[in-house]
Amino acid sequence: MSSVTFESQRAALADVVAIPVTPFAEDGSVDADAHRTLLRRLLEGGIRILTPNGNTGEFYALTPEERRLVTELTVDEAGERAAILVGVGHDVPTAVASARHARELGAGMVMVHQPVHPYVSQAGWVDYHRAIAEAVPELGVVPYIRNAQLSGARLAQLGEACPNVIGVKYAVPDAAKFAAFARDAGLDRFVWVAGLAEPYAPSYFSAGATGFTSGLVNVAPSVSLNMIEALRSGDYPAAMKVWEQIRRFEELRAANGSADNVTVVKEALASLGLCRRDVRPPSRQLPEEERAEVATIAAGWSL
């Protein structure tokens, strides 16, 4: 695979990496029409990279068939307008099958969810990602790191074995640890995406990140784009103005161990008439009395 292809994929990651929600119909199934409408809204709003089957898309609550459907809808709706970074995970054969499906559809990259397993060894973490990356050498591979114990040296090892591991979605809530990890792994070897979205983007950009993930972008693409423009130009005071604007929304999402992370985003979308508020267990809808605050915030952004 020529390095040129990976250059375009690396460039695509240095952006607002949108994690679309998966809207559900009244009968509980994936609402394909609402999904397409929300994707079009992101694309028309200026978003250039989409992650179907991310955590904001309720990855772990979807069936294998639904995960395939979500990927297909996203690739079809985006066409040439956006890069696609497909979320894959679970056991290795399942992740590999999802990655190959993404490749068949023409997606250029996969994001590998943090292995959900009670016993993750550092060497085993490398083996897991290596097995997936080697199965799809033509695709750019982006590990999603939520493991605070993992060392940068282990990522360097993976990168040495697999040239297609091109970026990292780093989601450990510790800016100093991120700065050290990125330098231990190879600051220039990987594209660093701040995986904890807008609240952490300014501190992670100051340490070398060039992209950030976003669930908020589903509600207000322009707000997320305002932040990345400020960060790209090194205007941290302007970025922090956006940070202040989104602070309460993100606090609601992060409360109680992020219990309402997706719920708050869907509640905001529901308040704007864009999709139903339904989420699947183990998430839960917001209680009636908390909905008004979310609606007020969303209305303020859509002005």
Foldseek 3Di string as FASTA:
>chain_A
DDVVLVVVVQVQQLAAEEEEAFFADPVGHGDLVLLLVLLVVLLVLPRAEYEQLDVLNVNVVDDLVNLLVSLLSNCVSCPNSHAYAYEAEDALVRRLVSVVSNVVSPHAHYEYEDHDDPDDDLLNSLVSQLSNCVSCLRHQYEYEDQDLPHALLSLLVSCVSRVSPAAYAYEHPDLVSLLRSCVNNPLVRHAYEPELPLLCVQSNLVSRHSHYYDHLCSLFVVLSNQLNVCSVVVNVVSNVVSCVLCVVLVCVCPPPNSLCVSLLSLLCCVLVVSHHSDDDPVHDHDPPVPSVVSVVSSVVRVD
